[in-house]
């Protein structure tokens, strides 16, 4: 499965804080998201602000559409 990564550092893990909980997720090539086993809490698609996600490894933040395909 091809995944999208951070355009700045290449990390596959992203964070969102749309709801009161912080969720850790990965983005598939088609833009679908799935939650990782390292997350403190699991969530739903409604917990992800698709226009404001954060890289878990560097200072990048932006929209899911701004992530790039992994190499």
PDB file of N, CA and C in Angstrom:
ATOM      1  N   UNK A   1       0.839  -1.165   0.000  1.00  0.00           N
ATOM      2  CA  UNK A   1       0.000   0.000   0.000  1.00  0.00           C
ATOM      3  C   UNK A   1       0.898   1.246   0.000  1.00  0.00           C
ATOM      4  N   UNK A   2       0.689   2.098  -0.986  1.00  0.00           N
ATOM      5  CA  UNK A   2       1.479   3.332  -1.063  1.00  0.00           C
ATOM      6  C   UNK A   2       0.880   4.358  -0.111  1.00  0.00           C
ATOM      7  N   UNK A   3       1.760   5.074   0.575  1.00  0.00           N
ATOM      8  CA  UNK A   3       1.317   6.050   1.553  1.00  0.00           C
ATOM      9  C   UNK A   3       1.818   7.439   1.191  1.00  0.00           C
ATOM     10  N   UNK A   4       1.178   8.413   1.781  1.00  0.00           N
ATOM     11  CA  UNK A   4       1.591   9.798   1.651  1.00  0.00           C
ATOM     12  C   UNK A   4       2.477  10.134   2.851  1.00  0.00           C
ATOM     13  N   UNK A   5       3.429  11.021   2.633  1.00  0.00           N
ATOM     14  CA  UNK A   5       4.378  11.382   3.687  1.00  0.00           C
ATOM     15  C   UNK A   5       4.483  12.894   3.811  1.00  0.00           C
ATOM     16  N   UNK A   6       5.123  13.327   4.877  1.00  0.00           N
ATOM     17  CA  UNK A   6       5.374  14.750   5.109  1.00  0.00           C
ATOM     18  C   UNK A   6       6.263  15.291   3.989  1.00  0.00           C
ATOM     19  N   UNK A   7       5.902  16.413   3.385  1.00  0.00           N
ATOM     20  CA  UNK A   7       6.722  16.965   2.313  1.00  0.00           C
ATOM     21  C   UNK A   7       8.051  17.553   2.807  1.00  0.00           C
ATOM     22  N   UNK A   8       8.185  17.740   4.100  1.00  0.00           N
ATOM     23  CA  UNK A   8       9.395  18.344   4.649  1.00  0.00           C
ATOM     24  C   UNK A   8      10.405  17.296   5.122  1.00  0.00           C
ATOM     25  N   UNK A   9       9.931  16.264   5.840  1.00  0.00           N
ATOM     26  CA  UNK A   9      10.884  15.310   6.426  1.00  0.00           C
ATOM     27  C   UNK A   9      10.653  13.856   6.014  1.00  0.00           C
ATOM     28  N   UNK A  10       9.522  13.557   5.379  1.00  0.00           N
ATOM     29  CA  UNK A  10       9.261  12.203   4.927  1.00  0.00           C
ATOM     30  C   UNK A  10       8.589  11.294   5.950  1.00  0.00           C
ATOM     31  N   UNK A  11       8.193  11.822   7.094  1.00  0.00           N
ATOM     32  CA  UNK A  11       7.520  11.000   8.106  1.00  0.00           C
ATOM     33  C   UNK A  11       6.177  10.507   7.581  1.00  0.00           C
ATOM     34  N   UNK A  12       5.788   9.322   8.004  1.00  0.00           N
ATOM     35  CA  UNK A  12       4.499   8.747   7.620  1.00  0.00           C
ATOM     36  C   UNK A  12       3.421   8.982   8.678  1.00  0.00           C
ATOM     37  N   UNK A  13       3.776   9.578   9.784  1.00  0.00           N
ATOM     38  CA  UNK A  13       2.850   9.752  10.899  1.00  0.00           C
ATOM     39  C   UNK A  13       2.424  11.208  11.036  1.00  0.00           C
ATOM     40  N   UNK A  14       1.121  11.409  11.221  1.00  0.00           N
ATOM     41  CA  UNK A  14       0.552  12.737  11.353  1.00  0.00           C
ATOM     42  C   UNK A  14      -0.330  12.800  12.588  1.00  0.00           C
ATOM     43  N   UNK A  15      -0.546  14.025  13.052  1.00  0.00           N
ATOM     44  CA  UNK A  15      -1.382  14.276  14.232  1.00  0.00           C
ATOM     45  C   UNK A  15      -2.508  15.216  13.848  1.00  0.00           C
ATOM     46  N   UNK A  16      -3.619  15.090  14.559  1.00  0.00           N
ATOM     47  CA  UNK A  16      -4.706  16.045  14.436  1.00  0.00           C
ATOM     48  C   UNK A  16      -5.293  16.258  15.814  1.00  0.00           C
ATOM     49  N   UNK A  17      -5.705  17.476  16.066  1.00  0.00           N
ATOM     50  CA  UNK A  17      -6.294  17.801  17.369  1.00  0.00           C
ATOM     51  C   UNK A  17      -7.651  18.465  17.184  1.00  0.00           C
ATOM     52  N   UNK A  18      -8.388  18.044  16.173  1.00  0.00           N
ATOM     53  CA  UNK A  18      -9.696  18.652  15.912  1.00  0.00           C
ATOM     54  C   UNK A  18     -10.629  18.491  17.103  1.00  0.00           C
ATOM     55  N   UNK A  19     -10.670  17.333  17.664  1.00  0.00           N
ATOM     56  CA  UNK A  19     -11.497  17.107  18.848  1.00  0.00           C
ATOM     57  C   UNK A  19     -10.617  17.311  20.080  1.00  0.00           C
ATOM     58  N   UNK A  20     -11.133  17.008  21.231  1.00  0.00           N
ATOM     59  CA  UNK A  20     -10.363  17.208  22.455  1.00  0.00           C
ATOM     60  C   UNK A  20      -9.232  16.190  22.605  1.00  0.00           C
ATOM     61  N   UNK A  21      -9.255  15.121  21.809  1.00  0.00           N
ATOM     62  CA  UNK A  21      -8.190  14.125  21.891  1.00  0.00           C
ATOM     63  C   UNK A  21      -7.213  14.271  20.733  1.00  0.00           C
ATOM     64  N   UNK A  22      -5.973  13.901  20.987  1.00  0.00           N
ATOM     65  CA  UNK A  22      -4.947  13.930  19.945  1.00  0.00           C
ATOM     66  C   UNK A  22      -4.914  12.553  19.295  1.00  0.00           C
ATOM     67  N   UNK A  23      -5.042  12.507  17.969  1.00  0.00           N
ATOM     68  CA  UNK A  23      -5.015  11.233  17.257  1.00  0.00           C
ATOM     69  C   UNK A  23      -3.804  11.168  16.339  1.00  0.00           C
ATOM     70  N   UNK A  24      -3.217   9.992  16.237  1.00  0.00           N
ATOM     71  CA  UNK A  24      -2.075   9.741  15.363  1.00  0.00           C
ATOM     72  C   UNK A  24      -2.582   8.866  14.222  1.00  0.00           C
ATOM     73  N   UNK A  25      -2.249   9.246  13.002  1.00  0.00           N
ATOM     74  CA  UNK A  25      -2.761   8.504  11.858  1.00  0.00           C
ATOM     75  C   UNK A  25      -1.773   8.541  10.703  1.00  0.00           C
ATOM     76  N   UNK A  26      -2.041   7.715   9.703  1.00  0.00           N
ATOM     77  CA  UNK A  26      -1.271   7.675   8.461  1.00  0.00           C
ATOM     78  C   UNK A  26      -2.230   7.949   7.321  1.00  0.00           C
ATOM     79  N   UNK A  27      -1.702   8.389   6.186  1.00  0.00           N
ATOM     80  CA  UNK A  27      -2.533   8.741   5.035  1.00  0.00           C
ATOM     81  C   UNK A  27      -2.199   7.814   3.877  1.00  0.00           C
ATOM     82  N   UNK A  28      -3.206   7.156   3.331  1.00  0.00           N
ATOM     83  CA  UNK A  28      -3.019   6.303   2.168  1.00  0.00           C
ATOM     84  C   UNK A  28      -2.951   7.166   0.913  1.00  0.00           C
ATOM     85  N   UNK A  29      -2.480   6.582  -0.184  1.00  0.00           N
ATOM     86  CA  UNK A  29      -2.319   7.293  -1.446  1.00  0.00           C
ATOM     87  C   UNK A  29      -3.618   7.937  -1.924  1.00  0.00           C
ATOM     88  N   UNK A  30      -4.746   7.286  -1.661  1.00  0.00           N
ATOM     89  CA  UNK A  30      -6.037   7.819  -2.098  1.00  0.00           C
ATOM     90  C   UNK A  30      -6.599   8.875  -1.143  1.00  0.00           C
ATOM     91  N   UNK A  31      -5.841   9.233  -0.109  1.00  0.00           N
ATOM     92  CA  UNK A  31      -6.264  10.248   0.845  1.00  0.00           C
ATOM     93  C   UNK A  31      -7.013   9.706   2.047  1.00  0.00           C
ATOM     94  N   UNK A  32      -7.308   8.417   2.035  1.00  0.00           N
ATOM     95  CA  UNK A  32      -7.981   7.816   3.185  1.00  0.00           C
ATOM     96  C   UNK A  32      -7.009   7.779   4.364  1.00  0.00           C
ATOM     97  N   UNK A  33      -7.536   7.894   5.555  1.00  0.00           N
ATOM     98  CA  UNK A  33      -6.694   7.878   6.748  1.00  0.00           C
ATOM     99  C   UNK A  33      -6.941   6.604   7.541  1.00  0.00           C
ATOM    100  N   UNK A  34      -5.921   6.182   8.266  1.00  0.00           N
ATOM    101  CA  UNK A  34      -6.108   5.079   9.204  1.00  0.00           C
ATOM    102  C   UNK A  34      -5.268   5.336  10.432  1.00  0.00           C
ATOM    103  N   UNK A  35      -5.785   4.898  11.540  1.00  0.00           N
ATOM    104  CA  UNK A  35      -5.175   5.163  12.828  1.00  0.00           C
ATOM    105  C   UNK A  35      -4.117   4.119  13.133  1.00  0.00           C
ATOM    106  N   UNK A  36      -3.096   4.526  13.843  1.00  0.00           N
ATOM    107  CA  UNK A  36      -1.977   3.640  14.130  1.00  0.00           C
ATOM    108  C   UNK A  36      -2.085   3.066  15.530  1.00  0.00           C
ATOM    109  N   UNK A  37      -1.380   1.976  15.727  1.00  0.00           N
ATOM    110  CA  UNK A  37      -1.393   1.331  17.032  1.00  0.00           C
ATOM    111  C   UNK A  37      -0.604   2.115  18.072  1.00  0.00           C
ATOM    112  N   UNK A  38       0.181   3.122  17.657  1.00  0.00           N
ATOM    113  CA  UNK A  38       0.929   3.919  18.625  1.00  0.00           C
ATOM    114  C   UNK A  38       0.096   5.056  19.212  1.00  0.00           C
ATOM    115  N   UNK A  39      -1.095   5.240  18.694  1.00  0.00           N
ATOM    116  CA  UNK A  39      -1.942   6.325  19.186  1.00  0.00           C
ATOM    117  C   UNK A  39      -2.401   6.040  20.609  1.00  0.00           C
ATOM    118  N   UNK A  40      -2.437   7.075  21.417  1.00  0.00           N
ATOM    119  CA  UNK A  40      -2.931   6.925  22.780  1.00  0.00           C
ATOM    120  C   UNK A  40      -4.415   6.603  22.770  1.00  0.00           C
ATOM    121  N   UNK A  41      -5.120   7.196  21.838  1.00  0.00           N
ATOM    122  CA  UNK A  41      -6.545   6.966  21.711  1.00  0.00           C
ATOM    123  C   UNK A  41      -6.839   6.735  20.234  1.00  0.00           C
ATOM    124  N   UNK A  42      -7.812   5.918  19.957  1.00  0.00           N
ATOM    125  CA  UNK A  42      -8.233   5.769  18.568  1.00  0.00           C
ATOM    126  C   UNK A  42      -9.328   6.777  18.307  1.00  0.00           C
ATOM    127  N   UNK A  43      -9.557   7.062  17.070  1.00  0.00           N
ATOM    128  CA  UNK A  43     -10.542   8.069  16.735  1.00  0.00           C
ATOM    129  C   UNK A  43     -11.332   7.675  15.511  1.00  0.00           C
ATOM    130  N   UNK A  44     -12.010   8.646  14.964  1.00  0.00           N
ATOM    131  CA  UNK A  44     -12.782   8.444  13.749  1.00  0.00           C
ATOM    132  C   UNK A  44     -12.386   9.527  12.756  1.00  0.00           C
ATOM    133  N   UNK A  45     -12.866   9.399  11.538  1.00  0.00           N
ATOM    134  CA  UNK A  45     -12.575  10.402  10.514  1.00  0.00           C
ATOM    135  C   UNK A  45     -12.988  11.802  10.985  1.00  0.00           C
ATOM    136  N   UNK A  46     -14.026  11.892  11.794  1.00  0.00           N
ATOM    137  CA  UNK A  46     -14.497  13.188  12.283  1.00  0.00           C
ATOM    138  C   UNK A  46     -13.490  13.869  13.195  1.00  0.00           C
ATOM    139  N   UNK A  47     -12.539  13.116  13.734  1.00  0.00           N
ATOM    140  CA  UNK A  47     -11.529  13.681  14.625  1.00  0.00           C
ATOM    141  C   UNK A  47     -10.371  14.324  13.869  1.00  0.00           C
ATOM    142  N   UNK A  48     -10.344  14.181  12.547  1.00  0.00           N
ATOM    143  CA  UNK A  48      -9.236  14.704  11.751  1.00  0.00           C
ATOM    144  C   UNK A  48      -9.679  15.955  11.000  1.00  0.00           C
ATOM    145  N   UNK A  49      -9.004  17.057  11.263  1.00  0.00           N
ATOM    146  CA  UNK A  49      -9.230  18.297  10.523  1.00  0.00           C
ATOM    147  C   UNK A  49      -8.378  18.205   9.258  1.00  0.00           C
ATOM    148  N   UNK A  50      -8.949  17.769   8.159  1.00  0.00           N
ATOM    149  CA  UNK A  50      -8.196  17.455   6.939  1.00  0.00           C
ATOM    150  C   UNK A  50      -7.444  18.668   6.380  1.00  0.00           C
ATOM    151  N   UNK A  51      -7.825  19.873   6.749  1.00  0.00           N
ATOM    152  CA  UNK A  51      -7.147  21.073   6.270  1.00  0.00           C
ATOM    153  C   UNK A  51      -6.051  21.550   7.215  1.00  0.00           C
ATOM    154  N   UNK A  52      -5.936  20.918   8.385  1.00  0.00           N
ATOM    155  CA  UNK A  52      -4.895  21.306   9.345  1.00  0.00           C
ATOM    156  C   UNK A  52      -4.401  20.075  10.091  1.00  0.00           C
ATOM    157  N   UNK A  53      -3.416  19.412   9.487  1.00  0.00           N
ATOM    158  CA  UNK A  53      -2.780  18.273  10.139  1.00  0.00           C
ATOM    159  C   UNK A  53      -1.344  18.649  10.456  1.00  0.00           C
ATOM    160  N   UNK A  54      -0.734  17.905  11.358  1.00  0.00           N
ATOM    161  CA  UNK A  54       0.618  18.198  11.813  1.00  0.00           C
ATOM    162  C   UNK A  54       1.487  16.961  11.641  1.00  0.00           C
ATOM    163  N   UNK A  55       2.718  17.150  11.183  1.00  0.00           N
ATOM    164  CA  UNK A  55       3.677  16.064  11.105  1.00  0.00           C
ATOM    165  C   UNK A  55       4.075  15.700  12.531  1.00  0.00           C
ATOM    166  N   UNK A  56       4.228  14.412  12.780  1.00  0.00           N
ATOM    167  CA  UNK A  56       4.609  13.991  14.132  1.00  0.00           C
ATOM    168  C   UNK A  56       6.115  14.077  14.363  1.00  0.00           C
ATOM    169  N   UNK A  57       6.891  14.367  13.306  1.00  0.00           N
ATOM    170  CA  UNK A  57       8.352  14.355  13.434  1.00  0.00           C
ATOM    171  C   UNK A  57       9.029  15.703  13.239  1.00  0.00           C
ATOM    172  N   UNK A  58       8.337  16.657  12.633  1.00  0.00           N
ATOM    173  CA  UNK A  58       8.969  17.968  12.396  1.00  0.00           C
ATOM    174  C   UNK A  58       7.928  19.068  12.575  1.00  0.00           C
ATOM    175  N   UNK A  59       8.244  20.265  12.174  1.00  0.00           N
ATOM    176  CA  UNK A  59       7.355  21.402  12.399  1.00  0.00           C
ATOM    177  C   UNK A  59       6.340  21.638  11.289  1.00  0.00           C
ATOM    178  N   UNK A  60       6.311  20.784  10.264  1.00  0.00           N
ATOM    179  CA  UNK A  60       5.383  20.983   9.152  1.00  0.00           C
ATOM    180  C   UNK A  60       3.939  20.814   9.601  1.00  0.00           C
ATOM    181  N   UNK A  61       3.071  21.661   9.052  1.00  0.00           N
ATOM    182  CA  UNK A  61       1.631  21.459   9.173  1.00  0.00           C
ATOM    183  C   UNK A  61       0.985  22.005   7.921  1.00  0.00           C
ATOM    184  N   UNK A  62      -0.134  21.420   7.570  1.00  0.00           N
ATOM    185  CA  UNK A  62      -0.843  21.814   6.366  1.00  0.00           C
ATOM    186  C   UNK A  62      -2.036  20.903   6.147  1.00  0.00           C
ATOM    187  N   UNK A  63      -2.505  20.841   4.907  1.00  0.00           N
ATOM    188  CA  UNK A  63      -3.657  20.023   4.559  1.00  0.00           C
ATOM    189  C   UNK A  63      -3.208  18.638   4.101  1.00  0.00           C
ATOM    190  N   UNK A  64      -4.099  17.677   4.217  1.00  0.00           N
ATOM    191  CA  UNK A  64      -3.780  16.317   3.739  1.00  0.00           C
ATOM    192  C   UNK A  64      -3.389  16.355   2.271  1.00  0.00           C
ATOM    193  N   UNK A  65      -4.019  17.215   1.485  1.00  0.00           N
ATOM    194  CA  UNK A  65      -3.711  17.317   0.061  1.00  0.00           C
ATOM    195  C   UNK A  65      -2.282  17.794  -0.217  1.00  0.00           C
ATOM    196  N   UNK A  66      -1.608  18.337   0.768  1.00  0.00           N
ATOM    197  CA  UNK A  66      -0.239  18.817   0.595  1.00  0.00           C
ATOM    198  C   UNK A  66       0.800  17.765   0.883  1.00  0.00           C
ATOM    199  N   UNK A  67       0.386  16.597   1.385  1.00  0.00           N
ATOM    200  CA  UNK A  67       1.357  15.517   1.610  1.00  0.00           C
ATOM    201  C   UNK A  67       1.784  14.957   0.258  1.00  0.00           C
ATOM    202  N   UNK A  68       2.907  14.264   0.231  1.00  0.00           N
ATOM    203  CA  UNK A  68       3.428  13.736  -1.036  1.00  0.00           C
ATOM    204  C   UNK A  68       3.543  12.221  -0.979  1.00  0.00           C
ATOM    205  N   UNK A  69       3.569  11.594  -2.149  1.00  0.00           N
ATOM    206  CA  UNK A  69       3.669  10.144  -2.216  1.00  0.00           C
ATOM    207  C   UNK A  69       5.040   9.684  -1.734  1.00  0.00           C
ATOM    208  N   UNK A  70       5.044   8.568  -0.999  1.00  0.00           N
ATOM    209  CA  UNK A  70       6.320   8.021  -0.526  1.00  0.00           C
ATOM    210  C   UNK A  70       7.097   7.479  -1.716  1.00  0.00           C
ATOM    211  N   UNK A  71       8.399   7.428  -1.567  1.00  0.00           N
ATOM    212  CA  UNK A  71       9.241   6.969  -2.685  1.00  0.00           C
ATOM    213  C   UNK A  71       9.613   5.536  -2.532  1.00  0.00           C
TER     214      UNK A  71
END
